[in-house]
Amino acid sequence: MMVRSRLCRLQEANKAVLEERERSHRNDQQLSDYEAEIGLLRRRLETLETDRDKDKKQIAHLQDALNRARVVCRPTISVWHNC
């Protein structure tokens, strides 16, 4: 009877070890998936920041061009108002 009891406890312990290994494997896989997603998000963020910087430069260039056009057109507009 004592041998069966010990055998039963040993089987339960082995089962618990296997379940813990499976849980550990699932956690490792989930961690790996999260790390991969973080890498993708970082690359996406870098792309968005690069696009934002390009857009800011383009906006500044267009504003400069608009301001130059306004300076050129002002005398013409003043002449029209005097008429």
Protein backbone atom coordinates (compact mmCIF):
# COMPACT_ATOMS: atom_id res chain seq x y z
CA MET A 1 0.00 0.00 0.00
CA MET A 2 2.80 2.40 0.83
CA VAL A 3 4.47 1.67 -2.51
CA ARG A 4 1.27 2.53 -4.38
CA SER A 5 0.94 5.78 -2.45
CA ARG A 6 4.51 6.77 -3.30
CA LEU A 7 4.03 5.71 -6.91
CA CYS A 8 0.88 7.81 -7.11
CA ARG A 9 2.67 10.85 -5.67
CA LEU A 10 5.55 10.33 -8.10
CA GLN A 11 3.13 10.20 -11.04
CA GLU A 12 1.39 13.34 -9.82
CA ALA A 13 4.75 15.09 -9.44
CA ASN A 14 5.78 14.03 -12.96
CA LYS A 15 2.47 15.27 -14.32
CA ALA A 16 2.94 18.60 -12.53
CA VAL A 17 6.45 18.92 -13.99
CA LEU A 18 5.16 18.27 -17.51
CA GLU A 19 2.36 20.79 -17.08
CA GLU A 20 4.84 23.36 -15.77
CA ARG A 21 7.13 22.76 -18.76
CA GLU A 22 4.20 23.23 -21.14
CA ARG A 23 3.17 26.42 -19.36
CA SER A 24 6.75 27.66 -19.50
CA HIS A 25 6.93 26.87 -23.23
CA ARG A 26 3.67 28.76 -23.86
CA ASN A 27 4.98 31.74 -21.87
CA ASP A 28 8.25 31.70 -23.83
CA GLN A 29 6.31 31.63 -27.10
CA GLN A 30 4.05 34.46 -26.00
CA LEU A 31 7.06 36.52 -24.94
CA SER A 32 8.69 35.87 -28.31
CA ASP A 33 5.50 36.95 -30.08
CA TYR A 34 5.35 40.15 -28.02
CA GLU A 35 9.00 40.93 -28.77
CA ALA A 36 8.38 40.44 -32.50
CA GLU A 37 5.36 42.75 -32.36
CA ILE A 38 7.38 45.37 -30.50
CA GLY A 39 10.03 45.19 -33.24
CA LEU A 40 7.39 45.69 -35.92
CA LEU A 41 5.87 48.62 -34.05
CA ARG A 42 9.28 50.25 -33.62
CA ARG A 43 9.97 49.97 -37.35
CA ARG A 44 6.51 51.38 -38.11
CA LEU A 45 7.11 54.26 -35.71
CA GLU A 46 10.44 54.99 -37.37
CA THR A 47 8.73 55.07 -40.78
CA LEU A 48 6.02 57.41 -39.48
CA GLU A 49 8.58 59.73 -37.90
CA THR A 50 10.55 59.83 -41.16
CA ASP A 51 7.36 60.65 -43.09
CA ARG A 52 6.49 63.35 -40.54
CA ASP A 53 9.92 64.95 -40.91
CA LYS A 54 9.59 64.93 -44.71
CA ASP A 55 6.12 66.47 -44.43
CA LYS A 56 7.40 69.21 -42.11
CA LYS A 57 10.16 70.07 -44.59
CA GLN A 58 7.68 70.12 -47.47
CA ILE A 59 5.27 72.35 -45.50
CA ALA A 60 8.10 74.75 -44.64
CA HIS A 61 9.16 74.86 -48.29
CA LEU A 62 5.58 75.54 -49.43
CA GLN A 63 5.11 78.26 -46.80
CA ASP A 64 8.31 79.94 -47.94
CA ALA A 65 7.13 79.79 -51.53
CA LEU A 66 3.74 81.19 -50.53
CA ASN A 67 5.37 84.03 -48.59
CA ARG A 68 7.59 84.87 -51.58
CA ALA A 69 4.53 84.86 -53.84
CA ARG A 70 2.73 87.19 -51.45
CA VAL A 71 5.63 89.64 -51.50
CA VAL A 72 5.65 89.63 -55.28
CA CYS A 73 1.87 90.06 -55.55
CA ARG A 74 1.45 92.82 -52.91
CA PRO A 75 2.43 95.75 -55.11
CA THR A 76 0.02 94.55 -57.79
CA ILE A 77 -2.81 94.27 -55.28
CA SER A 78 -2.08 97.79 -53.96
CA VAL A 79 -2.31 99.19 -57.49
CA TRP A 80 -5.68 97.51 -57.97
CA HIS A 81 -7.06 99.05 -54.80
CA ASN A 82 -6.01 102.52 -55.86
CA CYS A 83 -7.98 102.28 -59.10
